[in-house]
Amino acid sequence: MKKTQKICLIITILFCLNYALSMLLGFHYLTQLITSIPWLEKLIAFVIGVCAFIDILTFRPEE
């Protein structure tokens, strides 16, 4: 796994854990921080989308 793929996987896991904590326990710290600044919300959504795309490419079968 390349270094960028590892970083993207870590970012994806962190945001998944954040989502799980906010839904299960009502812990909305990171969500409130991100949604208070509109451009940051869009930037984070873009970064998560790019990371998810790279994660999908990471787990494809090798030829």
PDB file of N, CA and C in Angstrom:
ATOM      1  N   MET A   1       0.833  -1.166   0.000  1.00  0.00           N
ATOM      2  CA  MET A   1       0.000   0.000   0.000  1.00  0.00           C
ATOM      3  C   MET A   1       0.889   1.245   0.000  1.00  0.00           C
ATOM      4  N   LYS A   2       0.562   2.202  -0.847  1.00  0.00           N
ATOM      5  CA  LYS A   2       1.343   3.422  -0.923  1.00  0.00           C
ATOM      6  C   LYS A   2       1.016   4.334   0.254  1.00  0.00           C
ATOM      7  N   LYS A   3       1.876   5.319   0.456  1.00  0.00           N
ATOM      8  CA  LYS A   3       1.702   6.242   1.575  1.00  0.00           C
ATOM      9  C   LYS A   3       0.401   7.032   1.449  1.00  0.00           C
ATOM     10  N   THR A   4       0.059   7.492   0.243  1.00  0.00           N
ATOM     11  CA  THR A   4      -1.182   8.252   0.070  1.00  0.00           C
ATOM     12  C   THR A   4      -2.400   7.383   0.334  1.00  0.00           C
ATOM     13  N   GLN A   5      -2.335   6.114  -0.037  1.00  0.00           N
ATOM     14  CA  GLN A   5      -3.447   5.207   0.215  1.00  0.00           C
ATOM     15  C   GLN A   5      -3.635   4.983   1.714  1.00  0.00           C
ATOM     16  N   LYS A   6      -2.544   4.889   2.448  1.00  0.00           N
ATOM     17  CA  LYS A   6      -2.628   4.715   3.900  1.00  0.00           C
ATOM     18  C   LYS A   6      -3.236   5.951   4.555  1.00  0.00           C
ATOM     19  N   ILE A   7      -2.819   7.132   4.108  1.00  0.00           N
ATOM     20  CA  ILE A   7      -3.360   8.377   4.656  1.00  0.00           C
ATOM     21  C   ILE A   7      -4.852   8.485   4.375  1.00  0.00           C
ATOM     22  N   CYS A   8      -5.248   8.158   3.165  1.00  0.00           N
ATOM     23  CA  CYS A   8      -6.672   8.209   2.808  1.00  0.00           C
ATOM     24  C   CYS A   8      -7.490   7.205   3.611  1.00  0.00           C
ATOM     25  N   LEU A   9      -6.941   6.038   3.844  1.00  0.00           N
ATOM     26  CA  LEU A   9      -7.638   5.033   4.640  1.00  0.00           C
ATOM     27  C   LEU A   9      -7.802   5.510   6.089  1.00  0.00           C
ATOM     28  N   ILE A  10      -6.788   6.154   6.633  1.00  0.00           N
ATOM     29  CA  ILE A  10      -6.865   6.687   7.998  1.00  0.00           C
ATOM     30  C   ILE A  10      -7.919   7.788   8.081  1.00  0.00           C
ATOM     31  N   ILE A  11      -7.946   8.693   7.105  1.00  0.00           N
ATOM     32  CA  ILE A  11      -8.948   9.769   7.091  1.00  0.00           C
ATOM     33  C   ILE A  11     -10.350   9.185   7.010  1.00  0.00           C
ATOM     34  N   THR A  12     -10.539   8.189   6.167  1.00  0.00           N
ATOM     35  CA  THR A  12     -11.844   7.559   6.034  1.00  0.00           C
ATOM     36  C   THR A  12     -12.273   6.889   7.337  1.00  0.00           C
ATOM     37  N   ILE A  13     -11.370   6.191   7.982  1.00  0.00           N
ATOM     38  CA  ILE A  13     -11.692   5.523   9.245  1.00  0.00           C
ATOM     39  C   ILE A  13     -12.027   6.546  10.327  1.00  0.00           C
ATOM     40  N   LEU A  14     -11.278   7.635  10.406  1.00  0.00           N
ATOM     41  CA  LEU A  14     -11.557   8.664  11.412  1.00  0.00           C
ATOM     42  C   LEU A  14     -12.941   9.278  11.222  1.00  0.00           C
ATOM     43  N   PHE A  15     -13.311   9.575   9.998  1.00  0.00           N
ATOM     44  CA  PHE A  15     -14.628  10.169   9.777  1.00  0.00           C
ATOM     45  C   PHE A  15     -15.748   9.161   9.958  1.00  0.00           C
ATOM     46  N   CYS A  16     -15.472   7.900   9.705  1.00  0.00           N
ATOM     47  CA  CYS A  16     -16.473   6.858  10.004  1.00  0.00           C
ATOM     48  C   CYS A  16     -16.677   6.723  11.506  1.00  0.00           C
ATOM     49  N   LEU A  17     -15.603   6.753  12.265  1.00  0.00           N
ATOM     50  CA  LEU A  17     -15.717   6.711  13.720  1.00  0.00           C
ATOM     51  C   LEU A  17     -16.445   7.941  14.260  1.00  0.00           C
ATOM     52  N   ASN A  18     -16.162   9.103  13.678  1.00  0.00           N
ATOM     53  CA  ASN A  18     -16.863  10.321  14.071  1.00  0.00           C
ATOM     54  C   ASN A  18     -18.362  10.186  13.810  1.00  0.00           C
ATOM     55  N   TYR A  19     -18.714   9.642  12.661  1.00  0.00           N
ATOM     56  CA  TYR A  19     -20.130   9.455  12.335  1.00  0.00           C
ATOM     57  C   TYR A  19     -20.791   8.469  13.303  1.00  0.00           C
ATOM     58  N   ALA A  20     -20.096   7.389  13.618  1.00  0.00           N
ATOM     59  CA  ALA A  20     -20.648   6.399  14.545  1.00  0.00           C
ATOM     60  C   ALA A  20     -20.839   7.003  15.935  1.00  0.00           C
ATOM     61  N   LEU A  21     -19.870   7.761  16.414  1.00  0.00           N
ATOM     62  CA  LEU A  21     -20.000   8.394  17.728  1.00  0.00           C
ATOM     63  C   LEU A  21     -21.144   9.401  17.751  1.00  0.00           C
ATOM     64  N   SER A  22     -21.284  10.167  16.683  1.00  0.00           N
ATOM     65  CA  SER A  22     -22.352  11.164  16.668  1.00  0.00           C
ATOM     66  C   SER A  22     -23.732  10.515  16.584  1.00  0.00           C
ATOM     67  N   MET A  23     -23.869   9.404  15.874  1.00  0.00           N
ATOM     68  CA  MET A  23     -25.168   8.749  15.760  1.00  0.00           C
ATOM     69  C   MET A  23     -25.510   7.897  16.987  1.00  0.00           C
ATOM     70  N   LEU A  24     -24.541   7.182  17.506  1.00  0.00           N
ATOM     71  CA  LEU A  24     -24.815   6.268  18.619  1.00  0.00           C
ATOM     72  C   LEU A  24     -24.854   6.968  19.977  1.00  0.00           C
ATOM     73  N   LEU A  25     -23.939   7.896  20.197  1.00  0.00           N
ATOM     74  CA  LEU A  25     -23.802   8.498  21.514  1.00  0.00           C
ATOM     75  C   LEU A  25     -24.211   9.963  21.582  1.00  0.00           C
ATOM     76  N   GLY A  26     -24.555  10.553  20.438  1.00  0.00           N
ATOM     77  CA  GLY A  26     -24.918  11.966  20.422  1.00  0.00           C
ATOM     78  C   GLY A  26     -23.724  12.886  20.627  1.00  0.00           C
ATOM     79  N   PHE A  27     -22.557  12.427  20.291  1.00  0.00           N
ATOM     80  CA  PHE A  27     -21.313  13.184  20.444  1.00  0.00           C
ATOM     81  C   PHE A  27     -21.065  13.944  19.137  1.00  0.00           C
ATOM     82  N   HIS A  28     -21.425  15.245  19.099  1.00  0.00           N
ATOM     83  CA  HIS A  28     -21.415  16.015  17.847  1.00  0.00           C
ATOM     84  C   HIS A  28     -20.320  17.084  17.814  1.00  0.00           C
ATOM     85  N   TYR A  29     -19.213  16.871  18.476  1.00  0.00           N
ATOM     86  CA  TYR A  29     -18.172  17.892  18.540  1.00  0.00           C
ATOM     87  C   TYR A  29     -17.603  18.231  17.161  1.00  0.00           C
ATOM     88  N   LEU A  30     -17.137  17.238  16.428  1.00  0.00           N
ATOM     89  CA  LEU A  30     -16.514  17.481  15.129  1.00  0.00           C
ATOM     90  C   LEU A  30     -17.541  17.965  14.110  1.00  0.00           C
ATOM     91  N   THR A  31     -18.754  17.461  14.200  1.00  0.00           N
ATOM     92  CA  THR A  31     -19.819  17.882  13.281  1.00  0.00           C
ATOM     93  C   THR A  31     -20.124  19.360  13.462  1.00  0.00           C
ATOM     94  N   GLN A  32     -20.214  19.822  14.686  1.00  0.00           N
ATOM     95  CA  GLN A  32     -20.485  21.232  14.951  1.00  0.00           C
ATOM     96  C   GLN A  32     -19.337  22.108  14.474  1.00  0.00           C
ATOM     97  N   LEU A  33     -18.128  21.648  14.653  1.00  0.00           N
ATOM     98  CA  LEU A  33     -16.959  22.406  14.221  1.00  0.00           C
ATOM     99  C   LEU A  33     -16.936  22.555  12.701  1.00  0.00           C
ATOM    100  N   ILE A  34     -17.240  21.488  12.001  1.00  0.00           N
ATOM    101  CA  ILE A  34     -17.189  21.508  10.535  1.00  0.00           C
ATOM    102  C   ILE A  34     -18.331  22.333   9.954  1.00  0.00           C
ATOM    103  N   THR A  35     -19.548  22.180  10.475  1.00  0.00           N
ATOM    104  CA  THR A  35     -20.701  22.863   9.889  1.00  0.00           C
ATOM    105  C   THR A  35     -20.784  24.334  10.266  1.00  0.00           C
ATOM    106  N   SER A  36     -19.979  24.791  11.217  1.00  0.00           N
ATOM    107  CA  SER A  36     -20.012  26.208  11.578  1.00  0.00           C
ATOM    108  C   SER A  36     -19.316  27.077  10.532  1.00  0.00           C
ATOM    109  N   ILE A  37     -18.467  26.496   9.713  1.00  0.00           N
ATOM    110  CA  ILE A  37     -17.752  27.229   8.661  1.00  0.00           C
ATOM    111  C   ILE A  37     -18.145  26.601   7.315  1.00  0.00           C
ATOM    112  N   PRO A  38     -18.946  27.317   6.496  1.00  0.00           N
ATOM    113  CA  PRO A  38     -19.477  26.705   5.263  1.00  0.00           C
ATOM    114  C   PRO A  38     -18.418  26.214   4.280  1.00  0.00           C
ATOM    115  N   TRP A  39     -17.349  26.965   4.066  1.00  0.00           N
ATOM    116  CA  TRP A  39     -16.345  26.528   3.093  1.00  0.00           C
ATOM    117  C   TRP A  39     -15.580  25.313   3.604  1.00  0.00           C
ATOM    118  N   LEU A  40     -15.417  25.221   4.926  1.00  0.00           N
ATOM    119  CA  LEU A  40     -14.735  24.066   5.499  1.00  0.00           C
ATOM    120  C   LEU A  40     -15.579  22.804   5.329  1.00  0.00           C
ATOM    121  N   GLU A  41     -16.890  22.963   5.443  1.00  0.00           N
ATOM    122  CA  GLU A  41     -17.796  21.827   5.249  1.00  0.00           C
ATOM    123  C   GLU A  41     -17.677  21.265   3.835  1.00  0.00           C
ATOM    124  N   LYS A  42     -17.628  22.159   2.852  1.00  0.00           N
ATOM    125  CA  LYS A  42     -17.491  21.724   1.453  1.00  0.00           C
ATOM    126  C   LYS A  42     -16.117  21.108   1.193  1.00  0.00           C
ATOM    127  N   LEU A  43     -15.088  21.682   1.777  1.00  0.00           N
ATOM    128  CA  LEU A  43     -13.733  21.151   1.614  1.00  0.00           C
ATOM    129  C   LEU A  43     -13.605  19.759   2.221  1.00  0.00           C
ATOM    130  N   ILE A  44     -14.152  19.561   3.410  1.00  0.00           N
ATOM    131  CA  ILE A  44     -14.096  18.257   4.069  1.00  0.00           C
ATOM    132  C   ILE A  44     -14.874  17.224   3.257  1.00  0.00           C
ATOM    133  N   ALA A  45     -16.038  17.618   2.726  1.00  0.00           N
ATOM    134  CA  ALA A  45     -16.818  16.687   1.901  1.00  0.00           C
ATOM    135  C   ALA A  45     -16.030  16.279   0.657  1.00  0.00           C
ATOM    136  N   PHE A  46     -15.331  17.220   0.047  1.00  0.00           N
ATOM    137  CA  PHE A  46     -14.520  16.914  -1.130  1.00  0.00           C
ATOM    138  C   PHE A  46     -13.361  15.981  -0.778  1.00  0.00           C
ATOM    139  N   VAL A  47     -12.690  16.261   0.334  1.00  0.00           N
ATOM    140  CA  VAL A  47     -11.557  15.431   0.762  1.00  0.00           C
ATOM    141  C   VAL A  47     -12.015  14.007   1.069  1.00  0.00           C
ATOM    142  N   ILE A  48     -13.150  13.873   1.749  1.00  0.00           N
ATOM    143  CA  ILE A  48     -13.668  12.538   2.064  1.00  0.00           C
ATOM    144  C   ILE A  48     -14.045  11.798   0.783  1.00  0.00           C
ATOM    145  N   GLY A  49     -14.620  12.503  -0.189  1.00  0.00           N
ATOM    146  CA  GLY A  49     -14.951  11.879  -1.470  1.00  0.00           C
ATOM    147  C   GLY A  49     -13.722  11.386  -2.210  1.00  0.00           C
ATOM    148  N   VAL A  50     -12.686  12.194  -2.244  1.00  0.00           N
ATOM    149  CA  VAL A  50     -11.438  11.787  -2.901  1.00  0.00           C
ATOM    150  C   VAL A  50     -10.820  10.596  -2.171  1.00  0.00           C
ATOM    151  N   CYS A  51     -10.826  10.648  -0.847  1.00  0.00           N
ATOM    152  CA  CYS A  51     -10.272   9.534  -0.063  1.00  0.00           C
ATOM    153  C   CYS A  51     -11.058   8.248  -0.299  1.00  0.00           C
ATOM    154  N   ALA A  52     -12.373   8.359  -0.384  1.00  0.00           N
ATOM    155  CA  ALA A  52     -13.188   7.171  -0.635  1.00  0.00           C
ATOM    156  C   ALA A  52     -12.871   6.583  -2.012  1.00  0.00           C
ATOM    157  N   PHE A  53     -12.676   7.440  -3.011  1.00  0.00           N
ATOM    158  CA  PHE A  53     -12.327   6.963  -4.345  1.00  0.00           C
ATOM    159  C   PHE A  53     -10.979   6.253  -4.332  1.00  0.00           C
ATOM    160  N   ILE A  54     -10.014   6.812  -3.637  1.00  0.00           N
ATOM    161  CA  ILE A  54      -8.692   6.178  -3.538  1.00  0.00           C
ATOM    162  C   ILE A  54      -8.786   4.868  -2.770  1.00  0.00           C
ATOM    163  N   ASP A  55      -9.628   4.833  -1.726  1.00  0.00           N
ATOM    164  CA  ASP A  55      -9.824   3.582  -0.981  1.00  0.00           C
ATOM    165  C   ASP A  55     -10.414   2.492  -1.867  1.00  0.00           C
ATOM    166  N   ILE A  56     -11.350   2.856  -2.722  1.00  0.00           N
ATOM    167  CA  ILE A  56     -11.933   1.876  -3.648  1.00  0.00           C
ATOM    168  C   ILE A  56     -10.856   1.333  -4.583  1.00  0.00           C
ATOM    169  N   LEU A  57      -9.997   2.216  -5.074  1.00  0.00           N
ATOM    170  CA  LEU A  57      -8.914   1.779  -5.956  1.00  0.00           C
ATOM    171  C   LEU A  57      -7.892   0.916  -5.222  1.00  0.00           C
ATOM    172  N   THR A  58      -7.756   1.117  -3.920  1.00  0.00           N
ATOM    173  CA  THR A  58      -6.801   0.342  -3.132  1.00  0.00           C
ATOM    174  C   THR A  58      -7.181  -1.127  -3.082  1.00  0.00           C
ATOM    175  N   PHE A  59      -8.464  -1.407  -2.980  1.00  0.00           N
ATOM    176  CA  PHE A  59      -8.917  -2.779  -2.771  1.00  0.00           C
ATOM    177  C   PHE A  59      -9.358  -3.490  -4.052  1.00  0.00           C
ATOM    178  N   ARG A  60      -9.006  -2.945  -5.189  1.00  0.00           N
ATOM    179  CA  ARG A  60      -9.311  -3.657  -6.438  1.00  0.00           C
ATOM    180  C   ARG A  60      -8.320  -4.796  -6.627  1.00  0.00           C
ATOM    181  N   PRO A  61      -8.710  -5.817  -7.353  1.00  0.00           N
ATOM    182  CA  PRO A  61      -7.793  -6.948  -7.570  1.00  0.00           C
ATOM    183  C   PRO A  61      -6.589  -6.532  -8.428  1.00  0.00           C
ATOM    184  N   GLU A  62      -5.449  -7.021  -8.066  1.00  0.00           N
ATOM    185  CA  GLU A  62      -4.227  -6.755  -8.833  1.00  0.00           C
ATOM    186  C   GLU A  62      -4.166  -7.691 -10.036  1.00  0.00           C
ATOM    187  N   GLU A  63      -3.633  -7.181 -11.117  1.00  0.00           N
ATOM    188  CA  GLU A  63      -3.532  -8.009 -12.328  1.00  0.00           C
ATOM    189  C   GLU A  63      -2.130  -8.537 -12.497  1.00  0.00           C
TER     190      GLU A  63
END
